[in-house]
Amino acid sequence: MQSIREIYRIGRGPSSSHTMGPERACKQIKACFPSADRYRVVLYGSLAKTGEGHGTDRVIRETLEPLVGEVIFDRETPTIRHPNMMDITLFAGEKELCQKRVWSVGGGAIVWDGEEPEEQAPDVYDLSTFADITAECARRNIRLWQYVVEKEGVEIIDYLTEVWETMKAAVNRGISATGILPGGLDTQRRARIIYQGRHIDESPQTKENRLVSAYAFAVGEENAAGGVIVTAPTCGASGVVPAVLRYMQEARGFSDLQIVHALASAGIAGNVIKTNASISGAECGCQAEIGSACSMAAVALAELFEMGFDQIDYAAEVAMEHHLGLTCDPIGGLVQIPCIERNAVAAMRAINALSIANFLADSRKISFDLIVKTMYNTGMDLPLGYRETSTGGLAKYYPIEKMTE
């Protein structure tokens, strides 16, 4: 498996696969051909069908400046290998310098034609299943985060500290911001409303739900507005992990270092999903994004409370299992409806998964590795309209004329 840095990418929203990935590809190819003065980029599959809503064409033009060129949305040509496919051609005058095909495979990662994923980022973990990793940790009596430090070096703590600070900053901006999100759906920012909506007789449980939801909405709205967030594991699901960790730090007094350790452990879960299944909504539906984020959040919480490995495994499994079949059907191709609300629901579900695992781990039947495999096969069975094409579900039945110009 690759570094968990590939799971936690710091960048601008609204989509890791539709903005971060294409941006990364354009930066790389532009650097390789400094004499280029013109480009042609063709988007296929999910990139073509939801790219306008995600701002894919905008980020391509901005990244390739001062080059001039065109972005073409090809919604008819079938994709191969992965639904997020694009061709980039660079010119110098009338001379064609290169034509390269690249796939944006989720979480901001890209794969160039003719290269394998391992060539993009080297493997740093020799084990790739949660069962094998936790068995190794149990045998040596170390925690998951210690395993991460051994494999990645102590500098991973510094990186995850930056990740945590970025997450907290996104929450802080989000719970303070007001206004309408861009894109034409006329979606109001609601994090501040939830955050400030305390009732005089509010129960502890209601307060927990309100704050966790507010923090998840905050990051989701920052992402939708193109703000700086952290993929965990994607932009569209970036609000789940910071929401539960921010709440638990405030409610239980966990230190920043304890939170960083929890992020390291959660990164292993995200890595297992990415390696053995998918974190791409275009490939496997929203279960691969929100479901994965919920599992990561559950593992992070279990690490904070120093649960045993069976409990950690069960928490991750419960979190994923009850997102199976979740479709990716963003209205207008925007990471707003239903994406933002789903972050809040998944964050609360991660806390529920922690509670269930605390009591029932010794009687569980299904492992996290098995549910990851199940999620991937479920995603492959989903009709294309429910895999980030904005042609099925809510995207189909919400009248497009309701979108403002």
Protein backbone atom coordinates (compact mmCIF):
# COMPACT_ATOMS: atom_id res chain seq x y z
CA MET A 1 0.00 0.00 0.00
CA GLN A 2 1.04 3.58 -0.60
CA SER A 3 1.60 6.28 2.00
CA ILE A 4 -1.44 7.56 3.87
CA ARG A 5 -0.42 10.94 2.48
CA GLU A 6 -2.31 9.73 -0.60
CA ILE A 7 -5.45 9.48 1.55
CA TYR A 8 -5.02 12.88 3.22
CA ARG A 9 -4.39 15.43 0.48
CA ILE A 10 -4.56 19.12 1.27
CA GLY A 11 -6.11 21.17 -1.52
CA ARG A 12 -9.11 23.04 -2.84
CA GLY A 13 -12.56 21.56 -3.41
CA PRO A 14 -15.05 20.76 -4.59
CA SER A 15 -13.95 17.35 -5.89
CA SER A 16 -10.78 15.33 -5.43
CA SER A 17 -11.43 13.34 -8.60
CA HIS A 18 -12.90 16.16 -10.71
CA THR A 19 -10.73 19.12 -9.66
CA MET A 20 -7.69 17.94 -7.67
CA GLY A 21 -6.89 15.05 -10.04
CA PRO A 22 -7.18 17.02 -13.30
CA GLU A 23 -5.26 19.90 -11.72
CA ARG A 24 -2.45 17.54 -10.76
CA ALA A 25 -2.35 16.01 -14.25
CA CYS A 26 -2.22 19.40 -15.94
CA LYS A 27 0.58 20.60 -13.66
CA GLN A 28 2.67 17.52 -14.41
CA ILE A 29 2.29 17.58 -18.18
CA LYS A 30 2.77 21.35 -18.37
CA ALA A 31 6.08 21.02 -16.49
CA CYS A 32 7.25 18.34 -18.93
CA PHE A 33 6.66 20.51 -22.01
CA PRO A 34 7.66 24.11 -21.16
CA SER A 35 7.68 25.12 -24.86
CA ALA A 36 3.96 24.41 -25.25
CA ASP A 37 1.70 27.36 -26.06
CA ARG A 38 -1.63 25.63 -26.77
CA TYR A 39 -3.65 22.69 -25.45
CA ARG A 40 -6.68 20.53 -26.10
CA VAL A 41 -8.22 18.57 -23.25
CA VAL A 42 -11.00 16.03 -23.83
CA LEU A 43 -13.02 14.84 -20.85
CA TYR A 44 -14.88 11.51 -20.88
CA GLY A 45 -17.24 9.57 -18.62
CA SER A 46 -18.02 11.10 -15.27
CA LEU A 47 -15.59 13.96 -15.90
CA ALA A 48 -17.62 14.93 -18.96
CA LYS A 49 -21.05 14.39 -17.43
CA THR A 50 -20.48 16.25 -14.16
CA GLY A 51 -17.36 18.28 -14.95
CA GLU A 52 -19.18 21.56 -15.45
CA GLY A 53 -20.82 21.34 -12.04
CA HIS A 54 -17.54 20.38 -10.41
CA GLY A 55 -15.61 23.13 -12.19
CA THR A 56 -13.30 20.69 -13.99
CA ASP A 57 -12.99 22.88 -17.08
CA ARG A 58 -12.30 25.95 -14.93
CA VAL A 59 -9.48 24.33 -12.98
CA ILE A 60 -7.93 22.98 -16.20
CA ARG A 61 -7.89 26.43 -17.80
CA GLU A 62 -6.50 28.07 -14.67
CA THR A 63 -3.79 25.43 -14.26
CA LEU A 64 -2.64 25.56 -17.88
CA GLU A 65 -2.48 29.36 -18.07
CA PRO A 66 -0.94 31.21 -19.89
CA LEU A 67 -1.45 28.50 -22.51
CA VAL A 68 -4.60 28.89 -24.61
CA GLY A 69 -6.81 26.07 -25.70
CA GLU A 70 -10.10 24.26 -25.38
CA VAL A 71 -11.77 21.80 -23.02
CA ILE A 72 -14.12 19.37 -24.76
CA PHE A 73 -16.85 17.40 -22.97
CA ASP A 74 -17.22 14.04 -24.74
CA ARG A 75 -20.27 12.44 -23.13
CA GLU A 76 -20.63 9.65 -25.70
CA THR A 77 -17.30 7.82 -26.02
CA PRO A 78 -17.12 4.89 -23.58
CA THR A 79 -14.36 4.98 -20.99
CA ILE A 80 -11.87 2.25 -20.27
CA ARG A 81 -10.07 1.37 -17.05
CA HIS A 82 -11.83 4.07 -14.97
CA PRO A 83 -14.83 6.39 -15.52
CA ASN A 84 -12.76 9.56 -14.90
CA MET A 85 -10.77 9.62 -18.15
CA MET A 86 -9.18 12.57 -19.94
CA ASP A 87 -6.86 13.13 -22.92
CA ILE A 88 -4.41 16.03 -22.84
CA THR A 89 -2.73 17.24 -26.03
CA LEU A 90 -0.10 20.00 -26.01
CA PHE A 91 1.07 22.00 -29.01
CA ALA A 92 3.85 24.45 -29.88
CA GLY A 93 2.47 26.42 -32.77
CA GLU A 94 1.11 23.81 -35.19
CA LYS A 95 3.40 21.07 -33.87
CA GLU A 96 1.88 18.45 -31.60
CA LEU A 97 4.24 17.91 -28.65
CA CYS A 98 2.37 15.16 -26.87
CA GLN A 99 -0.94 13.42 -26.40
CA LYS A 100 -1.41 11.63 -23.11
CA ARG A 101 -4.33 9.81 -21.54
CA VAL A 102 -4.76 10.00 -17.79
CA TRP A 103 -7.30 8.74 -15.27
CA SER A 104 -8.33 10.55 -12.10
CA VAL A 105 -8.90 7.54 -9.86
CA GLY A 106 -10.21 9.21 -6.69
CA GLY A 107 -8.83 11.09 -3.73
CA GLY A 108 -6.81 13.35 -6.03
CA ALA A 109 -4.70 10.46 -7.34
CA ILE A 110 -4.02 10.05 -11.06
CA VAL A 111 -2.69 7.26 -13.28
CA TRP A 112 -1.11 7.97 -16.66
CA ASP A 113 -1.65 5.57 -19.54
CA GLY A 114 1.16 3.04 -19.68
CA GLU A 115 1.95 3.38 -16.00
CA GLU A 116 0.73 1.45 -13.01
CA PRO A 117 -0.41 3.16 -9.79
CA GLU A 118 2.73 2.00 -8.04
CA GLU A 119 4.78 4.10 -10.43
CA GLN A 120 2.90 7.19 -9.30
CA ALA A 121 3.69 6.70 -5.61
CA PRO A 122 5.85 3.93 -4.12
CA ASP A 123 4.45 1.35 -1.74
CA VAL A 124 5.49 1.83 1.88
CA TYR A 125 3.35 -0.91 3.43
CA ASP A 126 3.98 -4.57 2.69
CA LEU A 127 0.65 -5.66 4.17
CA SER A 128 -2.62 -4.67 2.51
CA THR A 129 -5.50 -6.16 4.50
CA PHE A 130 -6.84 -4.89 7.79
CA ALA A 131 -6.70 -8.39 9.26
CA ASP A 132 -3.02 -8.83 8.44
CA ILE A 133 -2.10 -5.37 9.71
CA THR A 134 -3.98 -5.66 13.00
CA ALA A 135 -2.61 -9.20 13.51
CA GLU A 136 0.92 -7.85 13.06
CA CYS A 137 0.23 -5.04 15.52
CA ALA A 138 -1.28 -7.45 18.04
CA ARG A 139 1.68 -9.81 17.75
CA ARG A 140 4.10 -6.98 18.48
CA ASN A 141 1.84 -5.23 21.00
CA ILE A 142 1.79 -1.89 19.17
CA ARG A 143 -1.06 0.41 18.16
CA LEU A 144 -2.03 1.10 14.55
CA TRP A 145 -0.56 4.60 14.67
CA GLN A 146 2.78 3.18 15.82
CA TYR A 147 2.73 0.83 12.85
CA VAL A 148 2.19 3.86 10.58
CA VAL A 149 5.16 5.70 12.10
CA GLU A 150 7.39 2.64 11.69
CA LYS A 151 6.51 2.34 8.00
CA GLU A 152 6.42 6.02 7.06
CA GLY A 153 8.97 7.54 9.42
CA VAL A 154 8.44 10.02 12.24
CA GLU A 155 7.95 12.83 9.71
CA ILE A 156 4.44 11.48 9.06
CA ILE A 157 3.48 12.96 12.43
CA ASP A 158 4.45 16.42 11.19
CA TYR A 159 2.40 15.92 8.04
CA LEU A 160 -0.65 14.71 9.95
CA THR A 161 -0.29 17.67 12.30
CA GLU A 162 -0.60 19.93 9.25
CA VAL A 163 -3.59 17.87 8.14
CA TRP A 164 -5.29 18.34 11.51
CA GLU A 165 -4.63 22.08 11.56
CA THR A 166 -6.09 22.35 8.04
CA MET A 167 -9.16 20.40 9.10
CA LYS A 168 -9.72 22.62 12.13
CA ALA A 169 -9.29 25.74 10.03
CA ALA A 170 -11.92 24.49 7.55
CA VAL A 171 -14.37 23.88 10.41
CA ASN A 172 -13.73 27.34 11.85
CA ARG A 173 -14.27 29.07 8.51
CA GLY A 174 -17.36 27.02 7.77
CA ILE A 175 -19.21 27.68 11.03
CA SER A 176 -18.64 31.41 10.57
CA ALA A 177 -19.54 31.78 6.90
CA THR A 178 -22.90 32.81 5.49
CA GLY A 179 -24.35 33.22 2.03
CA ILE A 180 -25.13 31.07 -0.99
CA LEU A 181 -22.86 28.38 -2.40
CA PRO A 182 -21.79 28.84 -6.04
CA GLY A 183 -23.09 26.70 -8.88
CA GLY A 184 -26.69 27.68 -9.49
CA LEU A 185 -28.52 25.46 -6.99
CA ASP A 186 -29.01 28.41 -4.66
CA THR A 187 -27.87 26.26 -1.73
CA GLN A 188 -27.67 28.23 1.50
CA ARG A 189 -24.75 27.77 3.87
CA ARG A 190 -26.26 26.19 6.99
CA ALA A 191 -23.34 25.25 9.24
CA ARG A 192 -23.51 28.52 11.15
CA ILE A 193 -27.27 28.14 11.66
CA ILE A 194 -26.83 24.66 13.13
CA TYR A 195 -23.83 25.70 15.24
CA GLN A 196 -25.65 28.65 16.77
CA GLY A 197 -29.00 26.87 17.09
CA ARG A 198 -28.74 25.88 20.73
CA HIS A 199 -31.99 25.44 22.62
CA ILE A 200 -32.25 26.57 26.24
CA ASP A 201 -33.24 23.05 27.35
CA GLU A 202 -30.94 21.20 24.97
CA SER A 203 -30.07 17.67 26.08
CA PRO A 204 -26.47 16.38 25.91
CA GLN A 205 -27.44 14.01 23.07
CA THR A 206 -29.07 16.80 21.07
CA LYS A 207 -26.03 18.98 21.60
CA GLU A 208 -23.74 16.22 20.34
CA ASN A 209 -25.83 15.71 17.21
CA ARG A 210 -26.05 19.45 16.59
CA LEU A 211 -22.32 20.13 16.94
CA VAL A 212 -21.19 17.07 14.98
CA SER A 213 -23.60 18.03 12.20
CA ALA A 214 -22.49 21.66 12.27
CA TYR A 215 -18.83 20.70 11.90
CA ALA A 216 -19.58 18.27 9.06
CA PHE A 217 -21.71 20.88 7.27
CA ALA A 218 -18.94 23.44 7.81
CA VAL A 219 -16.30 21.42 5.97
CA GLY A 220 -18.73 20.23 3.31
CA GLU A 221 -19.73 23.80 2.55
CA GLU A 222 -16.12 24.97 2.49
CA ASN A 223 -15.40 22.21 0.00
CA ALA A 224 -18.40 23.14 -2.16
CA ALA A 225 -17.22 26.76 -2.17
CA GLY A 226 -13.73 25.76 -3.38
CA GLY A 227 -12.06 26.32 -0.01
CA VAL A 228 -8.97 24.52 1.30
CA ILE A 229 -9.87 21.17 2.82
CA VAL A 230 -8.31 17.73 3.37
CA THR A 231 -9.46 14.67 1.45
CA ALA A 232 -10.49 12.03 3.97
CA PRO A 233 -10.52 10.13 1.74
CA THR A 234 -12.13 12.45 -0.86
CA CYS A 235 -13.32 16.05 -1.14
CA GLY A 236 -16.98 15.06 -1.24
CA ALA A 237 -16.59 13.13 2.02
CA SER A 238 -14.12 15.54 3.64
CA GLY A 239 -16.42 16.62 6.47
CA VAL A 240 -16.89 13.29 8.27
CA VAL A 241 -13.52 12.71 9.94
CA PRO A 242 -12.88 16.32 11.07
CA ALA A 243 -16.43 16.58 12.44
CA VAL A 244 -16.13 13.66 14.84
CA LEU A 245 -12.56 14.49 15.86
CA ARG A 246 -13.30 18.17 16.46
CA TYR A 247 -16.32 17.25 18.59
CA MET A 248 -14.47 14.61 20.62
CA GLN A 249 -11.55 16.93 21.27
CA GLU A 250 -13.89 19.55 22.65
CA ALA A 251 -16.09 17.13 24.58
CA ARG A 252 -13.40 14.81 25.95
CA GLY A 253 -10.28 16.95 25.98
CA PHE A 254 -8.11 14.82 23.68
CA SER A 255 -4.80 16.47 22.80
CA ASP A 256 -3.77 17.39 19.27
CA LEU A 257 -1.18 14.59 19.37
CA GLN A 258 -3.84 12.04 20.29
CA ILE A 259 -5.94 13.30 17.38
CA VAL A 260 -2.94 12.95 15.06
CA HIS A 261 -2.46 9.36 16.22
CA ALA A 262 -6.14 8.74 15.50
CA LEU A 263 -5.72 10.18 11.99
CA ALA A 264 -2.81 7.82 11.38
CA SER A 265 -4.94 4.82 12.37
CA ALA A 266 -7.85 6.03 10.25
CA GLY A 267 -5.47 6.43 7.32
CA ILE A 268 -4.76 2.70 7.42
CA ALA A 269 -8.48 1.95 7.04
CA GLY A 270 -8.75 4.37 4.13
CA ASN A 271 -5.68 2.85 2.54
CA VAL A 272 -7.10 -0.67 2.81
CA ILE A 273 -10.29 0.47 1.06
CA LYS A 274 -8.40 2.32 -1.66
CA THR A 275 -6.05 -0.62 -2.28
CA ASN A 276 -8.61 -3.44 -2.25
CA ALA A 277 -11.72 -1.63 -3.50
CA SER A 278 -12.23 2.03 -4.40
CA ILE A 279 -12.73 5.48 -2.88
CA SER A 280 -14.15 6.88 -6.13
CA GLY A 281 -17.82 7.81 -6.43
CA ALA A 282 -17.53 7.54 -10.21
CA GLU A 283 -16.39 3.95 -9.87
CA CYS A 284 -18.45 2.61 -6.95
CA GLY A 285 -21.01 5.23 -5.97
CA CYS A 286 -21.16 7.32 -2.82
CA GLN A 287 -20.65 4.24 -0.63
CA ALA A 288 -17.00 4.42 -1.73
CA GLU A 289 -16.70 8.01 -0.53
CA ILE A 290 -19.05 8.58 2.40
CA GLY A 291 -18.92 4.91 3.44
CA SER A 292 -15.13 4.99 3.44
CA ALA A 293 -15.07 8.26 5.37
CA CYS A 294 -17.44 6.80 7.97
CA SER A 295 -15.18 3.77 8.43
CA MET A 296 -12.15 6.04 8.77
CA ALA A 297 -13.96 8.16 11.36
CA ALA A 298 -15.00 5.06 13.30
CA VAL A 299 -11.41 3.80 13.38
CA ALA A 300 -10.16 7.22 14.48
CA LEU A 301 -12.67 7.26 17.35
CA ALA A 302 -11.80 3.70 18.35
CA GLU A 303 -8.13 4.68 18.46
CA LEU A 304 -8.89 7.69 20.67
CA PHE A 305 -10.64 5.39 23.14
CA GLU A 306 -7.84 2.80 22.89
CA MET A 307 -10.14 -0.01 21.85
CA GLY A 308 -8.90 -3.49 21.03
CA PHE A 309 -8.30 -4.56 17.44
CA ASP A 310 -11.48 -6.64 17.25
CA GLN A 311 -13.46 -3.59 18.33
CA ILE A 312 -11.65 -1.33 15.86
CA ASP A 313 -12.30 -3.81 13.04
CA TYR A 314 -15.96 -4.09 13.98
CA ALA A 315 -16.44 -0.32 14.22
CA ALA A 316 -14.99 0.09 10.72
CA GLU A 317 -17.14 -2.75 9.40
CA VAL A 318 -20.40 -1.45 10.88
CA ALA A 319 -19.68 2.02 9.50
CA MET A 320 -19.21 0.71 5.98
CA GLU A 321 -21.86 -2.00 5.97
CA HIS A 322 -24.73 0.40 6.49
CA HIS A 323 -23.69 2.57 3.58
CA LEU A 324 -23.68 -0.32 1.09
CA GLY A 325 -25.50 0.56 -2.09
CA LEU A 326 -25.39 4.30 -1.46
CA THR A 327 -25.61 6.01 -4.84
CA CYS A 328 -23.69 9.02 -6.09
CA ASP A 329 -26.32 11.27 -7.67
CA PRO A 330 -25.31 14.92 -7.15
CA ILE A 331 -27.86 17.37 -8.50
CA GLY A 332 -26.36 19.37 -11.37
CA GLY A 333 -23.02 17.63 -10.83
CA LEU A 334 -22.44 19.85 -7.78
CA VAL A 335 -20.99 18.53 -4.53
CA GLN A 336 -23.88 20.03 -2.57
CA ILE A 337 -27.13 18.06 -2.63
CA PRO A 338 -27.15 15.42 -1.21
CA CYS A 339 -23.42 15.40 -0.48
CA ILE A 340 -23.19 17.93 2.36
CA GLU A 341 -25.98 16.40 4.43
CA ARG A 342 -24.50 12.96 3.93
CA ASN A 343 -21.32 14.11 5.66
CA ALA A 344 -23.31 14.99 8.77
CA VAL A 345 -25.29 11.74 8.75
CA ALA A 346 -22.11 9.67 8.29
CA ALA A 347 -20.33 11.51 11.10
CA MET A 348 -23.14 10.67 13.54
CA ARG A 349 -23.19 7.10 12.23
CA ALA A 350 -19.47 6.74 12.97
CA ILE A 351 -20.16 7.57 16.62
CA ASN A 352 -22.97 4.99 16.63
CA ALA A 353 -20.62 2.40 15.11
CA LEU A 354 -18.16 3.06 17.93
CA SER A 355 -20.85 2.38 20.54
CA ILE A 356 -22.00 -0.84 18.88
CA ALA A 357 -18.42 -2.10 18.58
CA ASN A 358 -17.79 -1.35 22.23
CA PHE A 359 -20.48 -3.85 23.24
CA LEU A 360 -20.75 -6.45 20.49
CA ALA A 361 -17.32 -6.98 18.90
CA ASP A 362 -16.92 -10.43 20.46
CA SER A 363 -20.03 -11.74 18.65
CA ARG A 364 -19.49 -10.21 15.23
CA LYS A 365 -19.67 -12.30 12.07
CA ILE A 366 -18.45 -9.94 9.34
CA SER A 367 -14.92 -8.54 9.08
CA PHE A 368 -13.90 -5.15 7.75
CA ASP A 369 -11.95 -6.77 4.90
CA LEU A 370 -15.03 -8.72 3.84
CA ILE A 371 -17.25 -5.64 3.84
CA VAL A 372 -14.65 -3.76 1.76
CA LYS A 373 -14.78 -6.52 -0.84
CA THR A 374 -18.58 -6.45 -0.69
CA MET A 375 -18.64 -2.69 -1.17
CA TYR A 376 -16.50 -2.92 -4.29
CA ASN A 377 -18.64 -5.61 -5.88
CA THR A 378 -21.80 -3.73 -4.95
CA GLY A 379 -20.36 -0.64 -6.62
CA MET A 380 -19.58 -2.58 -9.79
CA ASP A 381 -23.22 -3.70 -9.87
CA LEU A 382 -24.62 -0.18 -9.56
CA PRO A 383 -26.10 1.18 -12.80
CA LEU A 384 -23.95 3.88 -14.37
CA GLY A 385 -26.55 6.55 -13.61
CA TYR A 386 -25.81 6.13 -9.91
CA ARG A 387 -22.05 6.50 -10.20
CA GLU A 388 -21.42 10.25 -10.34
CA THR A 389 -22.89 10.87 -13.76
CA SER A 390 -25.80 13.05 -12.54
CA THR A 391 -28.17 11.03 -14.73
CA GLY A 392 -29.95 9.02 -12.02
CA GLY A 393 -31.53 9.40 -8.60
CA LEU A 394 -31.94 12.93 -7.24
CA ALA A 395 -30.01 14.33 -10.18
CA LYS A 396 -32.64 12.90 -12.52
CA TYR A 397 -35.79 13.75 -10.57
CA TYR A 398 -34.92 17.21 -9.28
CA PRO A 399 -36.17 19.49 -12.07
CA ILE A 400 -33.20 21.25 -13.57
CA GLU A 401 -35.29 24.37 -14.06
CA LYS A 402 -35.28 24.79 -10.29
CA MET A 403 -31.61 25.66 -10.52
CA THR A 404 -31.02 29.38 -10.67
CA GLU A 405 -28.93 30.87 -13.40
